[in-house]
Amino acid sequence: MIAQPYQLYVERKDPTRNMARYYAMSIEATLFGDVCLTRRWGRIGARGQARQHHFEREEDAVLLFLELLRRKRMRGYRPQ
């Protein structure tokens, strides 16, 4: 069971480079009792891509969540 909800939506915009990207993450419990970190990214307004990571422990999912958040902040993504 997830102790608290983890959700994130950040964007990176640069009109001079015609860049408008989004990155979204969430941690949720699966029907089988595992924990799933779901990532979605792409151009704002488009469907984009998605990837899921499955973990047995919530702590492992949170560690990956925080590492990905740190990487995105370094690249210029900001909350909206």
Protein backbone atom coordinates (compact mmCIF):
# COMPACT_ATOMS: atom_id res chain seq x y z
CA MET A 1 0.00 0.00 0.00
CA ILE A 2 1.28 3.46 -0.91
CA ALA A 3 1.96 5.62 2.15
CA GLN A 4 1.31 8.88 0.29
CA PRO A 5 0.55 9.83 -3.32
CA TYR A 6 3.49 10.75 -5.53
CA GLN A 7 2.65 12.75 -8.64
CA LEU A 8 4.67 15.23 -10.65
CA TYR A 9 4.10 17.29 -13.79
CA VAL A 10 6.88 19.57 -15.09
CA GLU A 11 7.39 21.48 -18.33
CA ARG A 12 10.29 22.92 -20.26
CA LYS A 13 9.63 25.71 -22.74
CA ASP A 14 12.03 27.64 -24.96
CA PRO A 15 10.30 29.59 -27.76
CA THR A 16 13.61 30.46 -29.45
CA ARG A 17 14.26 26.75 -30.00
CA ASN A 18 10.58 25.85 -30.64
CA MET A 19 10.69 23.62 -27.56
CA ALA A 20 7.64 22.80 -25.47
CA ARG A 21 8.04 19.53 -23.56
CA TYR A 22 6.35 17.91 -20.59
CA TYR A 23 7.37 15.18 -18.18
CA ALA A 24 4.96 13.48 -15.77
CA MET A 25 5.52 10.78 -13.13
CA SER A 26 3.32 8.99 -10.62
CA ILE A 27 3.71 6.13 -8.17
CA GLU A 28 0.72 3.82 -7.75
CA ALA A 29 -0.05 0.39 -6.32
CA THR A 30 -0.81 -2.42 -8.77
CA LEU A 31 -3.53 -5.05 -8.41
CA PHE A 32 -0.85 -7.60 -7.50
CA GLY A 33 0.49 -5.65 -4.52
CA ASP A 34 3.56 -4.28 -6.28
CA VAL A 35 4.41 -0.62 -6.74
CA CYS A 36 4.52 0.94 -10.20
CA LEU A 37 6.32 4.13 -11.23
CA THR A 38 4.75 5.44 -14.44
CA ARG A 39 6.57 8.05 -16.55
CA ARG A 40 5.07 10.00 -19.46
CA TRP A 41 6.88 12.55 -21.62
CA GLY A 42 6.69 14.30 -24.96
CA ARG A 43 5.75 17.52 -26.69
CA ILE A 44 3.03 19.55 -24.96
CA GLY A 45 -0.29 18.83 -26.67
CA ALA A 46 0.86 15.46 -28.07
CA ARG A 47 0.33 11.96 -26.75
CA GLY A 48 4.04 11.34 -26.13
CA GLN A 49 5.57 8.18 -24.76
CA ALA A 50 5.20 6.20 -21.53
CA ARG A 51 7.21 3.73 -19.50
CA GLN A 52 6.44 1.75 -16.36
CA HIS A 53 8.84 0.47 -13.71
CA HIS A 54 7.63 -2.20 -11.26
CA PHE A 55 9.05 -2.55 -7.76
CA GLU A 56 8.40 -4.80 -4.78
CA ARG A 57 9.11 -1.99 -2.29
CA GLU A 58 7.74 1.54 -2.28
CA GLU A 59 11.12 2.91 -1.12
CA ASP A 60 12.82 1.77 -4.34
CA ALA A 61 10.18 3.50 -6.46
CA VAL A 62 10.54 6.71 -4.43
CA LEU A 63 14.34 6.68 -4.86
CA LEU A 64 13.98 6.43 -8.65
CA PHE A 65 11.26 9.10 -8.59
CA LEU A 66 13.55 11.53 -6.74
CA GLU A 67 16.55 10.76 -8.97
CA LEU A 68 14.53 11.39 -12.13
CA LEU A 69 13.15 14.59 -10.62
CA ARG A 70 16.69 15.80 -9.88
CA ARG A 71 17.79 15.08 -13.45
CA LYS A 72 14.83 16.91 -14.96
CA ARG A 73 15.33 19.97 -12.73
CA MET A 74 18.98 20.12 -13.85
CA ARG A 75 17.80 20.15 -17.49
CA GLY A 76 15.47 23.08 -16.92
CA TYR A 77 12.07 21.46 -16.27
CA ARG A 78 9.90 23.42 -13.85
CA PRO A 79 6.51 22.73 -12.16
CA GLN A 80 3.44 24.32 -13.73
